[in-house]
């Protein structure tokens, strides 16, 4: 059970990291410099979260086969755009939701195979 929780936290870490990368890109557009305090703080925060996520992922892989947990990483393809919608106001074409349904179906299919 704890492995599944940590795996999901790894997915959330990836999602948060992607949102922070977008925030750093927006900050760079505003400041014009990667070395502006706001931009560099966001970048370092992103790298810190990715570092912690990587260490957690290595722990997960010590406990479970890669092929068994890696399909859960596909959830990031759903959660990142959802976060971008709520945080940045991004919109999606209708076929996006068809793709999301296919991803969810695929993840469920692969997980049930084990």
C-alpha atoms as a PDB file:
ATOM      1  CA  UNK A   1       0.000   0.000   0.000  1.00  0.00           C
ATOM      2  CA  UNK A   2       2.780   2.456   0.895  1.00  0.00           C
ATOM      3  CA  UNK A   3       4.450   1.790  -2.465  1.00  0.00           C
ATOM      4  CA  UNK A   4       1.294   2.856  -4.313  1.00  0.00           C
ATOM      5  CA  UNK A   5       1.051   6.015  -2.209  1.00  0.00           C
ATOM      6  CA  UNK A   6       4.694   6.923  -2.867  1.00  0.00           C
ATOM      7  CA  UNK A   7       4.205   6.148  -6.574  1.00  0.00           C
ATOM      8  CA  UNK A   8       1.254   8.534  -6.688  1.00  0.00           C
ATOM      9  CA  UNK A   9       3.310  11.138  -4.821  1.00  0.00           C
ATOM     10  CA  UNK A  10       5.955  10.750  -7.547  1.00  0.00           C
ATOM     11  CA  UNK A  11       3.302  11.484 -10.161  1.00  0.00           C
ATOM     12  CA  UNK A  12       2.204  14.531  -8.172  1.00  0.00           C
ATOM     13  CA  UNK A  13       5.836  15.636  -7.906  1.00  0.00           C
ATOM     14  CA  UNK A  14       6.107  15.497 -11.690  1.00  0.00           C
ATOM     15  CA  UNK A  15       2.889  17.490 -12.053  1.00  0.00           C
ATOM     16  CA  UNK A  16       4.011  20.142  -9.577  1.00  0.00           C
ATOM     17  CA  UNK A  17       7.397  20.299 -11.305  1.00  0.00           C
ATOM     18  CA  UNK A  18       5.809  20.901 -14.701  1.00  0.00           C
ATOM     19  CA  UNK A  19       3.595  23.659 -13.302  1.00  0.00           C
ATOM     20  CA  UNK A  20       6.645  25.262 -11.688  1.00  0.00           C
ATOM     21  CA  UNK A  21       8.572  25.019 -14.975  1.00  0.00           C
ATOM     22  CA  UNK A  22       5.722  26.934 -16.622  1.00  0.00           C
ATOM     23  CA  UNK A  23       5.771  29.497 -13.820  1.00  0.00           C
ATOM     24  CA  UNK A  24       9.515  29.940 -14.291  1.00  0.00           C
ATOM     25  CA  UNK A  25       9.007  30.379 -18.038  1.00  0.00           C
ATOM     26  CA  UNK A  26       6.372  33.027 -17.321  1.00  0.00           C
ATOM     27  CA  UNK A  27       8.732  34.704 -14.863  1.00  0.00           C
ATOM     28  CA  UNK A  28      11.500  34.690 -17.452  1.00  0.00           C
ATOM     29  CA  UNK A  29       9.141  36.355 -19.939  1.00  0.00           C
ATOM     30  CA  UNK A  30       8.402  39.054 -17.378  1.00  0.00           C
ATOM     31  CA  UNK A  31      11.950  39.656 -16.171  1.00  0.00           C
ATOM     32  CA  UNK A  32      13.965  38.760 -19.281  1.00  0.00           C
ATOM     33  CA  UNK A  33      16.543  36.937 -17.168  1.00  0.00           C
ATOM     34  CA  UNK A  34      17.031  33.459 -15.772  1.00  0.00           C
ATOM     35  CA  UNK A  35      18.977  35.091 -12.963  1.00  0.00           C
ATOM     36  CA  UNK A  36      16.160  37.332 -11.743  1.00  0.00           C
ATOM     37  CA  UNK A  37      15.377  36.418  -8.135  1.00  0.00           C
ATOM     38  CA  UNK A  38      11.805  35.294  -8.825  1.00  0.00           C
ATOM     39  CA  UNK A  39      12.815  33.148 -11.805  1.00  0.00           C
ATOM     40  CA  UNK A  40      15.760  31.486 -10.123  1.00  0.00           C
ATOM     41  CA  UNK A  41      13.785  30.763  -6.943  1.00  0.00           C
ATOM     42  CA  UNK A  42      11.079  29.015  -8.944  1.00  0.00           C
ATOM     43  CA  UNK A  43      13.690  27.069 -10.917  1.00  0.00           C
ATOM     44  CA  UNK A  44      15.496  25.929  -7.766  1.00  0.00           C
ATOM     45  CA  UNK A  45      12.207  24.949  -6.164  1.00  0.00           C
ATOM     46  CA  UNK A  46      11.393  22.912  -9.267  1.00  0.00           C
ATOM     47  CA  UNK A  47      14.773  21.180  -9.234  1.00  0.00           C
ATOM     48  CA  UNK A  48      14.402  20.436  -5.514  1.00  0.00           C
ATOM     49  CA  UNK A  49      10.975  18.857  -6.047  1.00  0.00           C
ATOM     50  CA  UNK A  50      12.275  16.856  -9.026  1.00  0.00           C
ATOM     51  CA  UNK A  51      15.231  15.701  -6.906  1.00  0.00           C
ATOM     52  CA  UNK A  52      12.977  14.496  -4.074  1.00  0.00           C
ATOM     53  CA  UNK A  53      10.647  12.871  -6.615  1.00  0.00           C
ATOM     54  CA  UNK A  54      13.591  11.070  -8.209  1.00  0.00           C
ATOM     55  CA  UNK A  55      14.757   9.702  -4.848  1.00  0.00           C
ATOM     56  CA  UNK A  56      11.229   8.517  -4.077  1.00  0.00           C
ATOM     57  CA  UNK A  57      10.963   6.897  -7.520  1.00  0.00           C
ATOM     58  CA  UNK A  58      14.219   5.009  -6.917  1.00  0.00           C
ATOM     59  CA  UNK A  59      12.778   3.757  -3.617  1.00  0.00           C
ATOM     60  CA  UNK A  60       9.621   2.600  -5.418  1.00  0.00           C
ATOM     61  CA  UNK A  61      11.707   0.749  -8.005  1.00  0.00           C
ATOM     62  CA  UNK A  62      13.526  -1.082  -5.210  1.00  0.00           C
ATOM     63  CA  UNK A  63      10.180  -2.489  -4.104  1.00  0.00           C
ATOM     64  CA  UNK A  64       8.271  -3.099  -7.352  1.00  0.00           C
ATOM     65  CA  UNK A  65       8.972  -4.056 -10.955  1.00  0.00           C
ATOM     66  CA  UNK A  66       9.326  -1.085 -13.300  1.00  0.00           C
ATOM     67  CA  UNK A  67       6.767  -2.459 -15.750  1.00  0.00           C
ATOM     68  CA  UNK A  68       4.232  -2.690 -12.991  1.00  0.00           C
ATOM     69  CA  UNK A  69       4.392   0.907 -11.720  1.00  0.00           C
ATOM     70  CA  UNK A  70       5.540   2.883 -14.746  1.00  0.00           C
ATOM     71  CA  UNK A  71       2.082   2.956 -16.373  1.00  0.00           C
ATOM     72  CA  UNK A  72       0.942   5.073 -13.419  1.00  0.00           C
ATOM     73  CA  UNK A  73       3.278   7.805 -14.659  1.00  0.00           C
ATOM     74  CA  UNK A  74       0.842   8.235 -17.558  1.00  0.00           C
ATOM     75  CA  UNK A  75      -1.463   9.905 -15.048  1.00  0.00           C
ATOM     76  CA  UNK A  76       0.810  12.945 -15.372  1.00  0.00           C
ATOM     77  CA  UNK A  77      -0.476  13.321 -18.949  1.00  0.00           C
ATOM     78  CA  UNK A  78      -3.907  13.870 -17.438  1.00  0.00           C
ATOM     79  CA  UNK A  79      -3.032  15.840 -14.313  1.00  0.00           C
ATOM     80  CA  UNK A  80      -0.592  18.330 -15.878  1.00  0.00           C
ATOM     81  CA  UNK A  81      -3.122  19.648 -18.418  1.00  0.00           C
ATOM     82  CA  UNK A  82      -5.808  19.762 -15.722  1.00  0.00           C
ATOM     83  CA  UNK A  83      -3.475  21.791 -13.518  1.00  0.00           C
ATOM     84  CA  UNK A  84      -2.655  24.058 -16.464  1.00  0.00           C
ATOM     85  CA  UNK A  85      -6.363  24.627 -16.998  1.00  0.00           C
ATOM     86  CA  UNK A  86      -7.029  25.621 -13.390  1.00  0.00           C
ATOM     87  CA  UNK A  87      -3.785  27.534 -12.785  1.00  0.00           C
ATOM     88  CA  UNK A  88      -3.090  29.144 -16.170  1.00  0.00           C
ATOM     89  CA  UNK A  89      -6.571  29.108 -17.731  1.00  0.00           C
ATOM     90  CA  UNK A  90      -5.477  26.928 -20.662  1.00  0.00           C
ATOM     91  CA  UNK A  91      -8.255  25.403 -22.764  1.00  0.00           C
ATOM     92  CA  UNK A  92      -8.478  22.045 -24.506  1.00  0.00           C
ATOM     93  CA  UNK A  93     -10.065  20.880 -27.752  1.00  0.00           C
ATOM     94  CA  UNK A  94     -12.777  18.202 -27.481  1.00  0.00           C
ATOM     95  CA  UNK A  95     -10.470  15.434 -28.726  1.00  0.00           C
ATOM     96  CA  UNK A  96      -8.331  15.997 -25.632  1.00  0.00           C
ATOM     97  CA  UNK A  97     -11.015  14.372 -23.496  1.00  0.00           C
ATOM     98  CA  UNK A  98     -11.102  11.370 -25.822  1.00  0.00           C
ATOM     99  CA  UNK A  99      -7.346  11.047 -25.357  1.00  0.00           C
ATOM    100  CA  UNK A 100      -7.720  11.290 -21.576  1.00  0.00           C
ATOM    101  CA  UNK A 101     -10.272   8.474 -21.662  1.00  0.00           C
ATOM    102  CA  UNK A 102      -7.859   6.365 -23.708  1.00  0.00           C
ATOM    103  CA  UNK A 103      -5.008   7.020 -21.260  1.00  0.00           C
ATOM    104  CA  UNK A 104      -7.155   6.102 -18.267  1.00  0.00           C
ATOM    105  CA  UNK A 105      -8.361   2.960 -20.043  1.00  0.00           C
ATOM    106  CA  UNK A 106      -4.796   1.993 -20.859  1.00  0.00           C
ATOM    107  CA  UNK A 107      -3.577   2.513 -17.301  1.00  0.00           C
ATOM    108  CA  UNK A 108      -6.464   0.491 -15.893  1.00  0.00           C
ATOM    109  CA  UNK A 109      -5.877  -2.280 -18.440  1.00  0.00           C
ATOM    110  CA  UNK A 110      -2.162  -2.513 -17.662  1.00  0.00           C
ATOM    111  CA  UNK A 111      -2.678  -2.431 -13.884  1.00  0.00           C
ATOM    112  CA  UNK A 112      -5.297  -5.160 -14.036  1.00  0.00           C
ATOM    113  CA  UNK A 113      -2.863  -7.321 -16.007  1.00  0.00           C
ATOM    114  CA  UNK A 114      -0.822  -7.792 -12.806  1.00  0.00           C
END
